[in-house]
Amino acid sequence: AYYAASQNHVYARGTTATLWHWWYTDTWNSANLGGTL
């Protein structure tokens, strides 16, 4: 997890072994960054 300027960023491995990025800026957002972990 990474925190900067009132934003919270989380990177994690998804169930399909892809890289996911979640971030919070008044609401949670997410993006599948792809690849294989």
Protein backbone atom coordinates (compact mmCIF):
# COMPACT_ATOMS: atom_id res chain seq x y z
CA ALA A 1 0.00 0.00 0.00
CA TYR A 2 1.13 3.53 -0.71
CA TYR A 3 -0.25 6.74 0.76
CA ALA A 4 0.38 10.21 -0.69
CA ALA A 5 -1.49 13.51 -0.48
CA SER A 6 -4.77 12.04 0.82
CA GLN A 7 -4.70 9.26 -1.78
CA ASN A 8 -4.41 5.61 -0.84
CA HIS A 9 -2.90 3.26 -3.46
CA VAL A 10 -2.96 -0.54 -3.17
CA TYR A 11 -1.31 -3.01 -5.57
CA ALA A 12 -2.17 -6.69 -5.37
CA ARG A 13 -2.20 -9.92 -7.31
CA GLY A 14 -5.64 -10.78 -8.65
CA THR A 15 -7.23 -14.23 -8.72
CA THR A 16 -6.08 -14.68 -12.33
CA ALA A 17 -2.42 -13.81 -11.45
CA THR A 18 -2.72 -10.31 -12.94
CA LEU A 19 -1.64 -7.09 -11.24
CA TRP A 20 -4.42 -4.89 -9.87
CA HIS A 21 -4.23 -1.30 -8.71
CA TRP A 22 -6.82 0.20 -6.35
CA TRP A 23 -6.76 3.84 -5.35
CA TYR A 24 -8.93 6.06 -3.20
CA THR A 25 -9.80 9.66 -4.09
CA ASP A 26 -13.20 10.29 -2.45
CA THR A 27 -14.23 6.81 -3.67
CA TRP A 28 -12.43 3.53 -4.45
CA ASN A 29 -11.32 3.02 -8.05
CA SER A 30 -9.58 0.03 -9.62
CA ALA A 31 -7.72 -0.97 -12.74
CA ASN A 32 -6.36 -4.27 -13.96
CA LEU A 33 -2.77 -3.57 -15.02
CA GLY A 34 -2.49 -6.95 -16.73
CA GLY A 35 0.63 -9.05 -16.96
CA THR A 36 1.27 -12.27 -15.07
CA LEU A 37 2.62 -12.52 -11.54
